[in-house]
Protein backbone atom coordinates (compact mmCIF):
# COMPACT_ATOMS: atom_id res chain seq x y z
CA UNK A 1 -1.20 6.19 -23.47
CA UNK A 2 -0.21 5.20 -19.86
CA UNK A 3 0.95 8.70 -19.43
CA UNK A 4 -2.17 10.49 -20.15
CA UNK A 5 -5.25 8.29 -19.76
CA UNK A 6 -3.92 4.95 -17.70
CA UNK A 7 -3.00 1.57 -18.51
CA UNK A 8 -7.02 0.87 -17.83
CA UNK A 9 -8.21 3.15 -20.56
CA UNK A 10 -9.81 0.76 -22.99
CA UNK A 11 -8.03 0.79 -26.53
CA UNK A 12 -11.71 0.43 -28.11
CA UNK A 13 -12.56 3.50 -26.20
CA UNK A 14 -9.72 5.63 -27.89
CA UNK A 15 -10.61 4.62 -31.09
CA UNK A 16 -14.39 5.27 -30.24
CA UNK A 17 -13.75 8.83 -29.28
CA UNK A 18 -11.34 9.52 -32.36
CA UNK A 19 -12.55 12.30 -34.69
CA UNK A 20 -12.36 11.93 -38.55
CA UNK A 21 -8.79 13.26 -38.43
CA UNK A 22 -8.04 10.51 -35.84
CA UNK A 23 -7.45 12.65 -32.99
CA UNK A 24 -8.70 11.88 -29.54
CA UNK A 25 -11.42 13.75 -28.26
CA UNK A 26 -10.70 15.06 -24.88
CA UNK A 27 -14.16 15.96 -23.98
CA UNK A 28 -16.56 13.85 -21.80
CA UNK A 29 -19.71 15.15 -23.12
CA UNK A 30 -19.78 12.68 -26.25
CA UNK A 31 -19.38 9.70 -23.94
CA UNK A 32 -21.62 10.52 -21.14
CA UNK A 33 -24.47 11.12 -23.74
CA UNK A 34 -23.91 7.66 -25.41
CA UNK A 35 -26.91 4.87 -25.49
CA UNK A 36 -26.43 1.88 -23.85
CA UNK A 37 -26.08 0.12 -26.98
CA UNK A 38 -23.18 2.38 -27.95
CA UNK A 39 -21.52 1.30 -24.72
CA UNK A 40 -22.27 -2.27 -25.37
CA UNK A 41 -20.61 -2.18 -28.39
CA UNK A 42 -17.49 -0.56 -27.26
CA UNK A 43 -17.25 -3.21 -24.12
CA UNK A 44 -17.56 -5.82 -26.88
CA UNK A 45 -14.80 -4.16 -29.01
CA UNK A 46 -12.68 -3.72 -25.83
CA UNK A 47 -13.08 -7.29 -24.96
CA UNK A 48 -12.14 -8.89 -28.42
CA UNK A 49 -8.96 -6.61 -28.11
CA UNK A 50 -8.04 -8.09 -24.64
CA UNK A 51 -9.12 -11.66 -25.36
CA UNK A 52 -5.95 -13.03 -24.65
CA UNK A 53 -6.25 -11.94 -21.11
CA UNK A 54 -9.44 -14.11 -20.50
CA UNK A 55 -7.68 -17.01 -22.30
CA UNK A 56 -5.07 -16.81 -19.75
CA UNK A 57 -7.13 -17.43 -17.00
CA UNK A 58 -8.17 -20.81 -17.17
CA UNK A 59 -4.68 -21.82 -18.49
CA UNK A 60 -3.65 -20.67 -14.89
CA UNK A 61 -6.53 -22.74 -13.80
CA UNK A 62 -4.81 -25.68 -15.07
CA UNK A 63 -1.58 -24.87 -13.80
CA UNK A 64 -2.84 -24.57 -10.10
CA UNK A 65 -4.72 -27.99 -10.61
CA UNK A 66 -1.30 -29.58 -11.51
CA UNK A 67 1.07 -27.60 -9.18
CA UNK A 68 0.33 -29.73 -5.60
CA UNK A 69 1.83 -32.65 -7.79
CA UNK A 70 4.52 -30.78 -9.35
CA UNK A 71 5.64 -29.29 -6.53
CA UNK A 72 5.34 -32.11 -4.17
CA UNK A 73 2.97 -30.60 -1.57
CA UNK A 74 2.30 -33.99 0.07
CA UNK A 75 5.87 -34.80 -0.14
CA UNK A 76 7.17 -34.99 3.77
CA UNK A 77 10.79 -34.41 2.95
CA UNK A 78 10.13 -31.11 1.53
CA UNK A 79 7.96 -29.94 4.74
CA UNK A 80 9.39 -27.39 7.10
CA UNK A 81 8.08 -26.18 10.58
CA UNK A 82 7.78 -22.33 11.38
CA UNK A 83 10.58 -20.51 12.89
CA UNK A 84 11.08 -20.33 16.73
CA UNK A 85 9.12 -23.56 17.31
CA UNK A 86 5.79 -22.19 17.06
CA UNK A 87 2.84 -23.51 15.52
CA UNK A 88 0.09 -22.28 13.11
CA UNK A 89 -2.85 -20.41 14.52
CA UNK A 90 -4.78 -23.78 14.74
CA UNK A 91 -2.23 -25.44 16.63
CA UNK A 92 0.07 -25.01 19.60
CA UNK A 93 2.86 -26.90 18.37
CA UNK A 94 4.25 -28.17 15.32
CA UNK A 95 4.18 -31.88 14.36
CA UNK A 96 4.45 -34.32 11.65
CA UNK A 97 0.42 -34.62 11.56
CA UNK A 98 0.08 -31.02 11.58
CA UNK A 99 2.38 -30.57 8.62
CA UNK A 100 0.42 -33.32 6.85
CA UNK A 101 -2.85 -31.20 7.65
CA UNK A 102 -1.03 -27.95 6.47
CA UNK A 103 -0.03 -29.62 3.34
CA UNK A 104 -3.54 -31.16 2.57
CA UNK A 105 -4.99 -27.72 2.90
CA UNK A 106 -2.81 -26.35 0.75
CA UNK A 107 -3.38 -29.06 -1.61
CA UNK A 108 -7.43 -28.69 -1.53
CA UNK A 109 -6.89 -24.89 -1.89
CA UNK A 110 -4.98 -25.14 -4.82
CA UNK A 111 -7.52 -27.65 -6.55
CA UNK A 112 -10.42 -25.56 -5.56
CA UNK A 113 -8.80 -22.47 -6.98
CA UNK A 114 -7.81 -24.20 -10.33
CA UNK A 115 -11.26 -25.50 -11.03
CA UNK A 116 -12.86 -21.97 -10.40
CA UNK A 117 -10.28 -20.11 -12.52
CA UNK A 118 -10.94 -22.80 -15.21
CA UNK A 119 -14.91 -22.29 -14.91
CA UNK A 120 -15.12 -18.77 -14.57
CA UNK A 121 -12.27 -17.96 -16.89
CA UNK A 122 -13.89 -19.76 -19.58
CA UNK A 123 -16.98 -17.98 -18.81
CA UNK A 124 -15.48 -14.63 -18.95
CA UNK A 125 -14.40 -15.43 -22.80
CA UNK A 126 -17.91 -14.02 -23.05
CA UNK A 127 -18.27 -10.36 -23.07
CA UNK A 128 -20.41 -8.60 -20.28
CA UNK A 129 -19.85 -11.01 -17.49
CA UNK A 130 -18.39 -9.16 -14.66
CA UNK A 131 -19.25 -11.53 -11.67
CA UNK A 132 -16.91 -14.18 -13.55
CA UNK A 133 -14.07 -11.65 -13.76
CA UNK A 134 -14.48 -10.63 -10.30
CA UNK A 135 -14.93 -14.32 -8.80
CA UNK A 136 -11.20 -14.62 -10.86
CA UNK A 137 -10.05 -11.61 -8.89
CA UNK A 138 -10.97 -13.00 -5.29
CA UNK A 139 -9.66 -16.33 -6.29
CA UNK A 140 -6.49 -14.23 -6.63
CA UNK A 141 -6.89 -12.22 -3.68
CA UNK A 142 -7.34 -15.73 -1.86
CA UNK A 143 -4.13 -17.44 -3.30
CA UNK A 144 -2.37 -14.45 -1.87
CA UNK A 145 -3.71 -15.31 1.77
CA UNK A 146 -3.75 -18.87 1.58
CA UNK A 147 -0.16 -19.86 2.09
CA UNK A 148 -0.08 -17.54 4.86
CA UNK A 149 -3.31 -18.62 6.75
CA UNK A 150 -2.42 -22.32 6.27
CA UNK A 151 1.32 -21.83 7.02
CA UNK A 152 2.15 -23.62 3.71
CA UNK A 153 4.84 -26.02 4.54
CA UNK A 154 6.74 -25.84 1.38
CA UNK A 155 8.49 -22.90 -0.15
CA UNK A 156 7.35 -24.06 -3.62
CA UNK A 157 3.69 -23.86 -2.40
CA UNK A 158 4.08 -20.13 -0.75
CA UNK A 159 6.05 -18.88 -3.76
CA UNK A 160 3.72 -20.47 -6.54
CA UNK A 161 0.53 -19.60 -4.96
CA UNK A 162 1.50 -15.64 -4.28
CA UNK A 163 2.60 -15.38 -7.79
CA UNK A 164 -0.18 -17.02 -9.43
CA UNK A 165 -2.45 -14.77 -7.41
CA UNK A 166 -0.66 -11.53 -8.54
CA UNK A 167 -1.22 -12.62 -11.84
CA UNK A 168 -4.70 -13.42 -11.81
CA UNK A 169 -5.52 -10.20 -10.19
CA UNK A 170 -3.37 -8.15 -12.65
CA UNK A 171 -5.31 -10.19 -15.58
CA UNK A 172 -8.90 -9.39 -14.19
CA UNK A 173 -8.73 -5.78 -12.86
CA UNK A 174 -5.53 -4.33 -13.64
CA UNK A 175 -4.50 -4.73 -17.33
CA UNK A 176 -7.63 -4.78 -19.28
CA UNK A 177 -9.40 -2.40 -16.50
CA UNK A 178 -12.43 -2.79 -14.19
CA UNK A 179 -14.93 -5.19 -15.35
CA UNK A 180 -17.85 -3.51 -17.11
CA UNK A 181 -16.56 0.31 -16.12
CA UNK A 182 -17.28 1.27 -19.87
CA UNK A 183 -20.95 0.80 -19.19
CA UNK A 184 -20.96 3.93 -16.53
CA UNK A 185 -17.72 5.82 -16.67
CA UNK A 186 -17.76 9.53 -17.39
CA UNK A 187 -14.53 11.36 -18.62
CA UNK A 188 -13.16 14.79 -18.41
CA UNK A 189 -9.99 16.77 -17.14
CA UNK A 190 -8.31 14.81 -14.55
CA UNK A 191 -6.89 17.71 -11.94
CA UNK A 192 -9.48 18.18 -9.10
CA UNK A 193 -11.46 21.63 -8.97
CA UNK A 194 -9.04 24.19 -7.43
CA UNK A 195 -5.97 21.81 -7.09
CA UNK A 196 -2.55 22.86 -8.91
CA UNK A 197 -1.85 19.24 -9.66
CA UNK A 198 -3.14 15.86 -10.04
CA UNK A 199 -2.63 13.59 -6.99
CA UNK A 200 -3.76 10.48 -9.32
CA UNK A 201 -1.20 11.23 -12.12
CA UNK A 202 1.21 8.66 -13.04
CA UNK A 203 4.30 10.53 -11.62
CA UNK A 204 2.41 10.64 -8.45
CA UNK A 205 2.06 6.97 -8.54
CA UNK A 206 5.02 5.49 -9.80
CA UNK A 207 7.16 6.42 -6.51
CA UNK A 208 4.06 4.46 -4.82
CA UNK A 209 4.65 1.58 -6.97
CA UNK A 210 8.33 1.42 -6.54
CA UNK A 211 8.31 2.16 -2.68
CA UNK A 212 5.39 -0.49 -2.33
CA UNK A 213 7.50 -3.04 -4.40
CA UNK A 214 10.54 -2.52 -2.20
CA UNK A 215 8.48 -3.07 0.91
CA UNK A 216 7.02 -6.21 -0.56
CA UNK A 217 10.61 -7.64 -1.27
CA UNK A 218 12.05 -6.83 2.37
CA UNK A 219 8.63 -8.08 4.19
CA UNK A 220 8.68 -11.16 1.93
CA UNK A 221 12.08 -12.18 2.89
CA UNK A 222 11.30 -11.78 6.51
CA UNK A 223 8.32 -13.69 6.00
CA UNK A 224 10.72 -16.39 4.23
CA UNK A 225 12.06 -17.06 7.54
CA UNK A 226 9.10 -16.83 9.85
CA UNK A 227 7.68 -19.53 7.72
CA UNK A 228 10.75 -21.82 8.01
CA UNK A 229 11.89 -21.82 4.67
CA UNK A 230 15.31 -20.01 5.25
CA UNK A 231 17.27 -20.29 8.49
CA UNK A 232 19.06 -17.02 8.55
CA UNK A 233 17.99 -13.28 7.98
CA UNK A 234 21.18 -11.09 7.22
CA UNK A 235 21.62 -7.90 9.52
CA UNK A 236 24.45 -5.62 9.12
CA UNK A 237 24.00 -3.61 11.95
CA UNK A 238 22.83 -5.72 15.09
CA UNK A 239 23.64 -9.18 13.85
CA UNK A 240 21.11 -12.17 13.33
CA UNK A 241 21.56 -13.74 16.57
CA UNK A 242 21.84 -10.75 18.70
CA UNK A 243 18.87 -8.68 17.48
CA UNK A 244 16.75 -9.92 14.15
CA UNK A 245 16.22 -13.59 15.36
CA UNK A 246 14.96 -12.35 18.87
CA UNK A 247 12.51 -9.65 16.89
CA UNK A 248 11.16 -12.23 14.70
CA UNK A 249 10.84 -15.06 17.15
CA UNK A 250 9.69 -12.64 19.96
CA UNK A 251 6.54 -12.92 22.01
CA UNK A 252 5.25 -10.06 20.46
CA UNK A 253 5.70 -11.63 17.08
CA UNK A 254 4.37 -14.59 17.96
CA UNK A 255 1.31 -13.10 19.64
CA UNK A 256 -0.04 -12.89 16.07
CA UNK A 257 -1.95 -15.68 14.35
CA UNK A 258 0.11 -15.34 11.25
CA UNK A 259 3.50 -14.49 10.11
CA UNK A 260 3.67 -10.34 10.71
CA UNK A 261 6.38 -10.66 8.11
CA UNK A 262 4.24 -12.35 5.66
CA UNK A 263 1.04 -10.20 6.73
CA UNK A 264 3.26 -7.18 5.79
CA UNK A 265 4.24 -8.77 2.56
CA UNK A 266 0.50 -9.03 1.57
CA UNK A 267 -0.26 -5.45 2.33
CA UNK A 268 2.64 -4.39 0.31
CA UNK A 269 1.39 -6.82 -2.56
CA UNK A 270 -2.18 -4.80 -2.54
CA UNK A 271 -0.44 -1.26 -2.14
CA UNK A 272 2.16 -1.62 -5.08
CA UNK A 273 -0.32 -3.54 -7.21
CA UNK A 274 -3.17 -0.79 -6.70
CA UNK A 275 -0.90 1.79 -7.69
CA UNK A 276 -1.42 0.76 -11.28
CA UNK A 277 -5.15 0.66 -11.02
CA UNK A 278 -7.33 3.14 -12.81
CA UNK A 279 -6.66 6.42 -14.84
CA UNK A 280 -5.25 9.55 -13.58
CA UNK A 281 -8.80 10.67 -12.60
CA UNK A 282 -9.20 7.63 -10.38
CA UNK A 283 -10.22 10.03 -7.56
CA UNK A 284 -13.35 10.64 -8.91
CA UNK A 285 -13.93 7.53 -11.40
CA UNK A 286 -13.06 4.86 -8.85
CA UNK A 287 -13.49 6.34 -5.19
CA UNK A 288 -14.02 3.02 -3.51
CA UNK A 289 -10.54 1.99 -4.71
CA UNK A 290 -8.52 5.09 -3.72
CA UNK A 291 -10.41 4.61 -0.25
CA UNK A 292 -9.38 1.15 -0.03
CA UNK A 293 -5.80 2.15 -1.04
CA UNK A 294 -5.76 5.01 1.36
CA UNK A 295 -6.85 2.88 4.16
CA UNK A 296 -4.02 0.34 3.51
CA UNK A 297 -1.42 3.23 3.12
CA UNK A 298 -2.62 5.85 5.94
CA UNK A 299 -4.03 4.14 9.24
CA UNK A 300 -2.66 0.45 8.48
CA UNK A 301 0.59 1.89 7.36
CA UNK A 302 0.72 4.09 10.46
CA UNK A 303 -0.02 0.80 12.62
CA UNK A 304 2.87 -1.13 10.79
CA UNK A 305 5.33 2.04 11.37
CA UNK A 306 4.61 2.13 14.97
CA UNK A 307 4.73 -1.70 15.42
CA UNK A 308 8.00 -1.75 13.66
CA UNK A 309 9.54 1.00 15.54
CA UNK A 310 8.48 -0.34 18.94
CA UNK A 311 10.52 -3.40 18.87
CA UNK A 312 13.11 -1.41 21.07
CA UNK A 313 10.50 -0.84 23.75
CA UNK A 314 8.62 -4.06 23.47
CA UNK A 315 11.16 -6.27 22.68
CA UNK A 316 14.46 -4.61 23.59
CA UNK A 317 16.21 -5.57 20.36
CA UNK A 318 16.32 -4.36 17.03
CA UNK A 319 16.08 -5.89 13.58
CA UNK A 320 17.77 -3.97 10.53
CA UNK A 321 15.08 -5.34 7.85
CA UNK A 322 12.32 -4.91 10.11
CA UNK A 323 13.04 -1.42 10.53
CA UNK A 324 13.61 -1.09 6.59
CA UNK A 325 10.29 -2.52 6.04
CA UNK A 326 8.94 0.47 8.50
CA UNK A 327 11.12 3.20 6.70
CA UNK A 328 9.95 2.22 3.49
CA UNK A 329 6.31 2.44 4.61
CA UNK A 330 6.81 5.98 6.39
CA UNK A 331 6.92 8.28 3.32
CA UNK A 332 4.03 6.57 1.69
CA UNK A 333 1.52 8.12 4.00
CA UNK A 334 2.30 11.72 3.28
CA UNK A 335 2.71 11.02 -0.53
CA UNK A 336 -0.87 9.02 -0.50
CA UNK A 337 -2.92 11.17 1.67
CA UNK A 338 -3.52 13.92 -1.00
CA UNK A 339 -5.40 11.62 -3.17
CA UNK A 340 -7.51 10.36 -0.46
CA UNK A 341 -8.62 14.13 0.47
CA UNK A 342 -9.61 14.60 -3.36
CA UNK A 343 -11.56 11.51 -3.32
CA UNK A 344 -13.34 12.74 -0.29
CA UNK A 345 -13.98 16.18 -2.01
CA UNK A 346 -15.22 14.48 -4.80
CA UNK A 347 -17.87 12.37 -2.86
CA UNK A 348 -19.02 15.70 -1.22
CA UNK A 349 -19.37 17.93 -4.28
CA UNK A 350 -20.70 14.85 -6.28
CA UNK A 351 -23.54 14.39 -3.78
CA UNK A 352 -24.50 18.03 -3.69
CA UNK A 353 -24.57 18.15 -7.64
CA UNK A 354 -26.81 15.07 -7.22
CA UNK A 355 -24.91 12.52 -9.35
CA UNK A 356 -26.27 9.22 -9.52
CA UNK A 357 -29.73 10.63 -8.11
CA UNK A 358 -27.50 12.09 -5.20
CA UNK A 359 -26.91 8.56 -3.78
CA UNK A 360 -23.58 8.43 -1.87
CA UNK A 361 -23.51 4.79 -2.06
CA UNK A 362 -23.82 4.71 -6.00
CA UNK A 363 -21.07 7.56 -6.34
CA UNK A 364 -18.48 5.91 -4.10
CA UNK A 365 -18.86 2.64 -6.43
CA UNK A 366 -19.23 4.35 -9.74
CA UNK A 367 -17.84 7.78 -9.46
CA UNK A 368 -18.92 10.98 -10.69
CA UNK A 369 -18.95 13.52 -13.26
CA UNK A 370 -15.86 15.84 -14.18
CA UNK A 371 -17.66 19.30 -13.19
CA UNK A 372 -14.96 21.89 -12.32
CA UNK A 373 -12.14 19.78 -13.16
CA UNK A 374 -9.27 21.19 -15.23
CA UNK A 375 -6.44 20.56 -17.12
CA UNK A 376 -4.21 22.63 -14.52
CA UNK A 377 -1.57 19.48 -13.74
CA UNK A 378 1.85 20.29 -15.42
CA UNK A 379 3.23 16.99 -14.37
CA UNK A 380 5.46 15.46 -17.13
CA UNK A 381 5.07 12.29 -18.92
CA UNK A 382 6.21 8.92 -17.77
CA UNK A 383 8.01 8.37 -20.69
CA UNK A 384 10.50 11.23 -20.01
CA UNK A 385 11.60 9.21 -16.73
CA UNK A 386 15.20 7.84 -18.49
CA UNK A 387 15.75 11.25 -19.96
CA UNK A 388 14.58 13.58 -17.15
CA UNK A 389 14.48 11.67 -14.01
CA UNK A 390 14.86 14.63 -11.51
CA UNK A 391 12.03 16.55 -13.33
CA UNK A 392 9.58 13.23 -12.98
CA UNK A 393 10.70 12.77 -9.58
CA UNK A 394 9.97 16.38 -8.32
CA UNK A 395 6.74 16.01 -9.77
CA UNK A 396 6.18 12.87 -7.98
CA UNK A 397 6.41 14.64 -4.46
CA UNK A 398 4.03 17.51 -5.23
CA UNK A 399 1.85 17.81 -2.11
CA UNK A 400 4.49 16.71 0.18
CA UNK A 401 7.13 19.61 0.96
CA UNK A 402 10.12 19.61 3.62
CA UNK A 403 10.13 22.87 5.53
CA UNK A 404 13.14 23.28 7.69
CA UNK A 405 11.17 23.21 11.04
CA UNK A 406 9.75 19.80 10.41
CA UNK A 407 13.05 18.48 8.88
CA UNK A 408 15.05 19.56 12.06
CA UNK A 409 12.29 17.70 14.39
CA UNK A 410 12.58 14.61 12.50
CA UNK A 411 16.55 15.17 12.66
CA UNK A 412 16.19 15.88 16.52
CA UNK A 413 14.12 12.51 16.71
CA UNK A 414 16.90 10.39 15.14
CA UNK A 415 19.16 11.94 17.35
CA UNK A 416 16.87 11.45 20.76
CA UNK A 417 16.62 7.55 19.29
CA UNK A 418 20.44 7.33 19.90
CA UNK A 419 20.48 8.97 23.23
CA UNK A 420 20.05 6.04 25.56
CA UNK A 421 22.80 4.32 23.84
CA UNK A 422 25.02 7.32 23.95
CA UNK A 423 24.33 8.15 27.48
CA UNK A 424 24.87 4.31 28.52
CA UNK A 425 21.18 3.81 29.63
CA UNK A 426 20.13 -0.02 29.99
CA UNK A 427 17.69 -0.36 26.74
CA UNK A 428 15.15 -2.49 29.23
CA UNK A 429 14.77 0.32 31.46
CA UNK A 430 11.90 2.86 31.15
CA UNK A 431 14.24 5.82 30.64
CA UNK A 432 15.46 4.16 27.48
CA UNK A 433 11.93 3.30 26.72
CA UNK A 434 11.07 7.17 26.92
CA UNK A 435 13.75 8.16 24.30
CA UNK A 436 13.14 5.32 22.12
CA UNK A 437 9.26 5.77 21.97
CA UNK A 438 9.42 9.57 21.90
CA UNK A 439 11.82 9.60 19.09
CA UNK A 440 9.80 7.09 17.07
CA UNK A 441 6.60 9.18 17.59
CA UNK A 442 8.13 12.20 16.95
CA UNK A 443 9.94 11.25 13.64
CA UNK A 444 6.60 9.29 12.57
CA UNK A 445 4.45 12.77 13.07
CA UNK A 446 7.07 14.97 11.60
CA UNK A 447 7.60 13.00 8.24
CA UNK A 448 3.79 12.39 7.73
CA UNK A 449 3.02 16.26 8.56
CA UNK A 450 4.95 16.80 5.63
CA UNK A 451 2.11 15.95 3.66
CA UNK A 452 0.85 19.46 3.18
CA UNK A 453 -2.85 18.53 3.18
CA UNK A 454 -2.25 17.46 6.95
CA UNK A 455 0.12 19.79 7.96
CA UNK A 456 -1.88 20.73 10.92
CA UNK A 457 -1.26 17.47 12.59
CA UNK A 458 2.29 18.58 13.47
CA UNK A 459 0.72 20.14 16.55
CA UNK A 460 1.00 16.66 17.86
CA UNK A 461 4.77 17.04 18.20
CA UNK A 462 4.28 19.72 21.02
CA UNK A 463 2.80 17.20 23.22
CA UNK A 464 5.34 14.77 22.49
CA UNK A 465 8.14 17.56 22.73
CA UNK A 466 6.79 18.01 26.06
CA UNK A 467 6.52 14.44 27.43
CA UNK A 468 10.10 13.66 26.15
CA UNK A 469 11.16 17.09 28.01
CA UNK A 470 9.52 16.18 31.44
CA UNK A 471 9.48 12.31 31.43
CA UNK A 472 13.10 11.63 32.23
CA UNK A 473 13.10 13.54 35.34
CA UNK A 474 10.31 11.25 36.71
CA UNK A 475 11.90 8.06 36.15
CA UNK A 476 14.58 5.74 37.71
CA UNK A 477 17.50 4.79 35.72
CA UNK A 478 18.10 8.04 33.82
CA UNK A 479 21.23 10.12 34.65
CA UNK A 480 21.25 14.03 34.92
CA UNK A 481 23.04 14.60 31.39
CA UNK A 482 20.30 12.24 29.68
CA UNK A 483 17.66 14.10 31.22
CA UNK A 484 19.10 17.43 30.29
CA UNK A 485 19.59 16.54 26.72
CA UNK A 486 16.22 15.11 26.45
CA UNK A 487 14.72 18.16 27.74
CA UNK A 488 16.52 20.52 25.37
CA UNK A 489 15.28 18.09 22.32
CA UNK A 490 11.67 18.31 23.72
CA UNK A 491 11.70 21.78 23.93
CA UNK A 492 13.31 22.26 20.38
CA UNK A 493 10.66 19.99 19.08
CA UNK A 494 7.81 21.67 20.74
CA UNK A 495 9.37 25.40 19.21
CA UNK A 496 9.63 23.82 15.67
CA UNK A 497 6.44 22.10 15.40
CA UNK A 498 4.45 25.65 15.69
CA UNK A 499 5.48 27.49 12.63
CA UNK A 500 3.30 26.09 9.43
CA UNK A 501 5.88 26.24 6.74
CA UNK A 502 5.52 27.50 3.22
CA UNK A 503 2.30 25.58 1.34
CA UNK A 504 3.78 25.04 -2.04
CA UNK A 505 0.52 23.86 -3.71
CA UNK A 506 -3.41 24.54 -3.94
CA UNK A 507 -5.81 22.01 -2.62
CA UNK A 508 -9.13 23.64 -3.54
CA UNK A 509 -11.66 23.58 -0.66
CA UNK A 510 -9.14 21.76 1.63
CA UNK A 511 -6.94 24.96 1.63
CA UNK A 512 -8.96 26.25 4.40
CA UNK A 513 -8.18 23.40 6.60
CA UNK A 514 -4.37 23.78 6.22
CA UNK A 515 -3.28 25.70 9.32
């Protein structure tokens, strides 16, 4: 079921679409022509089959009501202060009074959230109450943010809220599917018109789930230090006191009102969980979700990568785990951007067809028809991953290719990153900043543009290569050998960024924009 329709495909709907022989009906016309009464009947059947979920919500509410007392939120012996002597966003310096306030805020938050889950979880036991389910879902979102916003003074409160928050989100919109989506969803083939693969298939999504979860673990580890729950972060290359501690407690990090590590953990939480959302046709059935997922991964992901990579320029120190968090995010950008392109194509085509009366707002929130879609996708079933891991992995990166030109640009950027150290350039000088910042931007641009739908973006490397080639000659603290090496690297990046490279897939109308 997960391989062909997605975990959110209701079992009741599968039964409804079966013919007399029990074979599923792959067409969409039968469902699209159903009456509202038929859809309500299907909704009730699906609700009965997932009733255990709605019983779990009030139970989690009771758990939250007891959590402040079970985990000792108000026990001052368990309170800790944020690292680096910083205070939360609502105070400048830590103090006993401030810790008490933080503990009280966490206690009130859990009690209110627990009460809301009991009330609206109980209401969700009755079918066709999407407002109650969405209310519970937003409670889960708040639980993910609360310990970070309030700088939870105990590790137990941070862990409890974040885990319960993920459970609530999963129980409301991931496992049972979007509330009341049965009332308007339309089925059909999942591959976008003119595409040779489906960017929302499960092989395309599992790699995003895995990388997002790895980023979540790494960022959460950094957050535990910044929030004060642990006093040491392992760093195999730069050392804790020599690099990591200085980065995590730097003025750059403290300029943010909340822990940047915890903020990264929140972002990765939504990213890996949203990888589970929707069927393989979600690019057209849930455009809003793909847009939000794409916003998290692409623009916010780029900001995350650039902020992490700039630590050598701004802080003049390095942190291995911080770099790992950025490295995990970087390939997610080209892997996700194709799904966003398919979603935007659908919005334009659905509006032209007049879906939902031509209302772009309705199409964005409810999706549209499957006109022109095909079954051309040749992705293997996810069930074959244990027996054919390489075959599944290759299908996971369709839409991202590795032309030797961009691969060479990436290698050149990595070499440039080490050049200031090799040539004895002081890390705190402008000359070193040119190498480090230039390398960061070249590597980021090269890897992102391995996504075929945005291959045209590689021309940015032409400007970056010119800047790297010229700038070392114009600043102090630069040696001749260092400047010559930067010039050679910059010139090679310029030359390598001009050829497009082979495009391995087709992207419908978007093919015209891949230059």
